[in-house]
C-alpha cells in the first residue's frame, strides 16, 4: 500500500531530522574555497529540504538517482530515497543511470531492472535495453526528481540521461524537478565542440568537452534551446545550491562512478578521458584510475614509468590486462584549468606501432569530432589544435551566459 506524505503530521519528524528550517539545510559539512580563498560551506540542493518537500506533498514520485544522491549530515549522510521514504513521501520507483543505483557497475556495463534490496522499490534501468524512461514506466507518476552528482564533462553520461528523462517527462506531461550539486570542473570551458553528425549517448548536443555548468543550468539550456526535439519543453523546476559559484573548489565525498576515486582523477578526467577512445590504458585496473596512462606498445626507452592493469572494482576487463604498460604517472600533477592534449600527443608520438593507438569510431564519439584524431596524426601541435576550438568556444559561452544561476 502506498504511504502518503502529510506535511503537517510529519513536521516534527522533519524538524528533528533536519533541524528548524532544516539543520541539514544549513550545512553539508564540505568546506570549499572560492576565488577569493574565503572558506564557505556549499549547501547542495538535496539538503535544502524546505525548498522542495512541500512540492512533493501528496504526489507519487519517481527518482533518478545513484549512490551520490544523498543528504549530508554532521556525522555522515543518508540517501535521498531513504530520507524521503522516512518522511512518508510517496516514492514509487527509482530510475538507475550508468553504473547503477548503488554505483557498482563497470563503465559501459548494462544495468538491469530489478528491486532495490534495501528499500524494496522497483529499479528501472536507464542504461540497459533502453536509456530513456518508457511511457509505461511513468504511468501513475505525478513528478520525477533527478539528483545525480556530475563532473561536467560531455562524454560523462549523466547529462545524456538527464536530457532523455526531460524528453520522456515532456512527452508524458509529467513535471521534473532537478536538485543541483557542484560541478567540480566548472572553473573552465574548453575542448572541442561536438559536431551534430557525431551525436551519441557520449554527446547529445553541440557543447564543448568541458562546458562549465551545473545540472540545473544545463537542464535549463536543454529546455530553452529546443534540444528536446519536436518543440517539446519539460515542466521544469530547479532547486539550486547555496554558497556556490563556478570557481568553488569542491571535494566530492562519494565517488561519482567506480573509476573516479578522488579529486585528482576528476580533475584529469576531461584530458585523460580521451584515452577511452584509444587502445591505451588510462589507469583502469589499478587504484590510480585517470591518474596515469600507458600501454605495452608505448616506447619503454622513452617512458620510464610502468604498471600492470589487473581486474578490480569497476574494471572487470581493463585494457592491456596483465601486460606491462609503459607511460606516465600523473597522480601529483597540478590542478588543471584546461583540457590538456599533451599526454595523448606524447603517447601517439612515442608509440612503437601507431596503428594501435586510436580506436577511430570510439575516439570520434569521445572527442565529439572527427577532426581531433586527424589533427594529432598529422603532427599538429597542441597550441595549433587548441586555436581551432576558439570560435566554437566563444559562441558557446554567449549561449551559456543566458542560463547561469551562479557567479
Foldseek 3Di string as FASTA:
>chain_A
DFFFFDCVVCVVVQCVCQNDQGVLQVALPWWKAFPVRDIDGKRFLLRNCVVPVVVQHRFEEEEEAAQQQWRHDPVGTDHSVVVCVVNRRGYAAYEYEPCGRHQQAAVLDADCWDADPVPRHTYHYLRHPHVADDPVNCPRGQEYEYEADDQQFQQPQPLLSVLRPQLSCQVNVHAYEYTKDAHQLLLAAAAAFADCVLADSRHNDRGGRGHNAISQLVLVLCQVVCSSDPPTHHNYHYRGMPPDASRMHTWRPDPSHFQQDTSLQSQLCSALVLQVQWLKFQQAQHPQHNQWIWELQFDCVVFVDWDAHDADRNRNDTRNHRHITGTDGRNPPDGDNYHDNVRVLNRCVRGNDNVRTGNQSSSCSNSSHSVPVVCSVVPHDPVVVRVVRPVVSVVSVVSSVVRDPHD
